[in-house]
C-alpha cells in the first residue's frame, strides 16, 4: 500500500521572490541579443543528491557567453539588500583569479547587465 503523505504546512509568511523575478528579467534581456547566450544551471543543488562532494557551491544564478567580445560572464542576481554568502564570495574569488575574459557581476537590476551585451 502506498504511504499517505501528510499535507504540506501552510507558510507563515509569503515568500519574497524578488531575486527569481530579477533572474527572469535578466535572462529575457540578455537572450534578446543574438551574440549573447545566457542560461542557468538548473537544479544544480538537486542534480547530485546522491553525492554532493563534486557540486559547485556558490555558483552564480546565470552564466552568459558573449560571442562577439569572447567574454564568459558569471552573473549573481541579488535584491537591493541581498549580500553574497560565504560560498558565493569564494566562487567570486575563483572567477576573479581567472582574469581576462572571465568576469563576475553582481546584478541588482537589468541595467547592471547592459555591459554584458
Protein backbone atom coordinates (compact mmCIF):
# COMPACT_ATOMS: atom_id res chain seq x y z
CA UNK A 1 0.00 0.00 0.00
CA UNK A 2 1.27 3.48 -0.80
CA UNK A 3 2.23 5.59 2.18
CA UNK A 4 -0.01 8.59 2.60
CA UNK A 5 1.89 11.85 2.97
CA UNK A 6 0.82 14.44 5.45
CA UNK A 7 -0.45 17.71 3.97
CA UNK A 8 2.12 20.44 3.39
CA UNK A 9 2.29 23.02 6.17
CA UNK A 10 0.98 26.46 5.37
CA UNK A 11 3.63 29.12 5.13
CA UNK A 12 3.56 31.62 7.94
CA UNK A 13 4.70 34.48 5.73
CA UNK A 14 4.68 34.89 1.95
CA UNK A 15 7.93 34.20 0.12
CA UNK A 16 9.84 37.11 -1.30
CA UNK A 17 10.89 36.05 -4.77
CA UNK A 18 12.43 39.30 -5.98
CA UNK A 19 15.72 37.63 -6.97
CA UNK A 20 13.90 34.99 -9.04
CA UNK A 21 11.92 37.70 -10.83
CA UNK A 22 15.13 39.62 -11.47
CA UNK A 23 16.75 36.46 -12.83
CA UNK A 24 13.91 36.05 -15.33
CA UNK A 25 14.12 39.70 -16.43
CA UNK A 26 17.89 39.48 -16.90
CA UNK A 27 17.70 36.23 -18.86
CA UNK A 28 14.99 37.71 -21.09
CA UNK A 29 17.08 40.83 -21.70
CA UNK A 30 20.34 39.02 -22.42
CA UNK A 31 18.84 36.44 -24.76
CA UNK A 32 17.33 39.17 -26.95
CA UNK A 33 20.84 39.75 -28.28
CA UNK A 34 21.82 37.20 -30.95
CA UNK A 35 25.50 37.24 -29.92
CA UNK A 36 24.76 36.57 -26.22
CA UNK A 37 23.77 33.15 -24.92
CA UNK A 38 22.67 33.18 -21.28
CA UNK A 39 21.21 30.46 -19.12
CA UNK A 40 21.10 28.74 -15.76
CA UNK A 41 22.47 25.53 -14.40
CA UNK A 42 19.01 24.42 -13.42
CA UNK A 43 18.64 22.22 -10.41
CA UNK A 44 22.34 22.21 -9.64
CA UNK A 45 21.56 21.75 -5.97
CA UNK A 46 19.42 18.69 -6.66
CA UNK A 47 21.35 17.26 -9.58
CA UNK A 48 23.80 15.37 -7.39
CA UNK A 49 21.64 14.43 -4.45
CA UNK A 50 23.35 11.06 -4.25
CA UNK A 51 26.79 12.72 -3.88
CA UNK A 52 27.23 16.44 -3.32
CA UNK A 53 31.01 16.20 -2.99
CA UNK A 54 31.64 17.43 -6.56
CA UNK A 55 28.88 20.02 -6.64
CA UNK A 56 29.88 23.66 -7.22
CA UNK A 57 28.81 25.62 -4.19
CA UNK A 58 28.20 29.33 -4.56
CA UNK A 59 27.96 29.18 -8.36
CA UNK A 60 26.13 32.12 -9.91
CA UNK A 61 22.49 32.23 -10.95
CA UNK A 62 23.27 32.97 -14.60
CA UNK A 63 26.12 32.15 -16.96
CA UNK A 64 26.37 34.19 -20.16
CA UNK A 65 28.60 33.86 -23.20
CA UNK A 66 29.17 36.96 -25.34
CA UNK A 67 30.32 35.53 -28.67
CA UNK A 68 31.36 38.94 -30.03
CA UNK A 69 33.63 40.02 -27.17
CA UNK A 70 34.54 36.40 -26.28
CA UNK A 71 33.77 37.05 -22.61
CA UNK A 72 32.27 34.50 -20.22
CA UNK A 73 30.15 36.18 -17.54
CA UNK A 74 29.06 34.74 -14.20
CA UNK A 75 26.07 36.81 -13.05
CA UNK A 76 24.77 36.66 -9.49
CA UNK A 77 21.29 38.18 -9.04
CA UNK A 78 20.73 39.97 -5.76
CA UNK A 79 17.95 42.11 -4.36
CA UNK A 80 18.79 45.63 -3.21
CA UNK A 81 19.56 44.35 0.28
CA UNK A 82 20.96 40.97 -0.74
CA UNK A 83 24.53 40.08 0.16
CA UNK A 84 26.81 37.28 -1.03
CA UNK A 85 27.07 34.20 1.13
CA UNK A 86 30.50 32.93 2.14
CA UNK A 87 30.37 30.26 -0.59
CA UNK A 88 29.34 32.85 -3.20
CA UNK A 89 32.26 35.06 -2.14
CA UNK A 90 34.61 32.10 -2.56
CA UNK A 91 33.26 31.32 -6.04
CA UNK A 92 33.60 35.02 -6.94
CA UNK A 93 37.27 34.90 -5.90
CA UNK A 94 37.84 31.92 -8.24
CA UNK A 95 36.32 33.80 -11.16
CA UNK A 96 38.27 36.97 -10.43
CA UNK A 97 41.51 34.96 -10.22
CA UNK A 98 40.91 33.86 -13.84
CA UNK A 99 41.05 37.46 -15.07
CA UNK A 100 40.90 38.31 -18.76
CA UNK A 101 37.75 37.15 -20.48
CA UNK A 102 36.13 35.53 -17.45
CA UNK A 103 34.17 38.01 -15.33
CA UNK A 104 31.89 38.11 -12.31
CA UNK A 105 28.97 40.51 -11.95
CA UNK A 106 26.51 41.15 -9.14
CA UNK A 107 23.28 42.36 -10.75
CA UNK A 108 20.63 44.19 -8.77
CA UNK A 109 18.74 45.37 -11.88
CA UNK A 110 18.63 44.75 -15.61
CA UNK A 111 20.66 47.95 -16.09
CA UNK A 112 23.57 46.28 -14.31
CA UNK A 113 23.92 43.65 -17.05
CA UNK A 114 23.99 46.02 -20.03
CA UNK A 115 27.79 45.72 -20.04
CA UNK A 116 27.41 42.02 -20.83
CA UNK A 117 25.92 42.88 -24.22
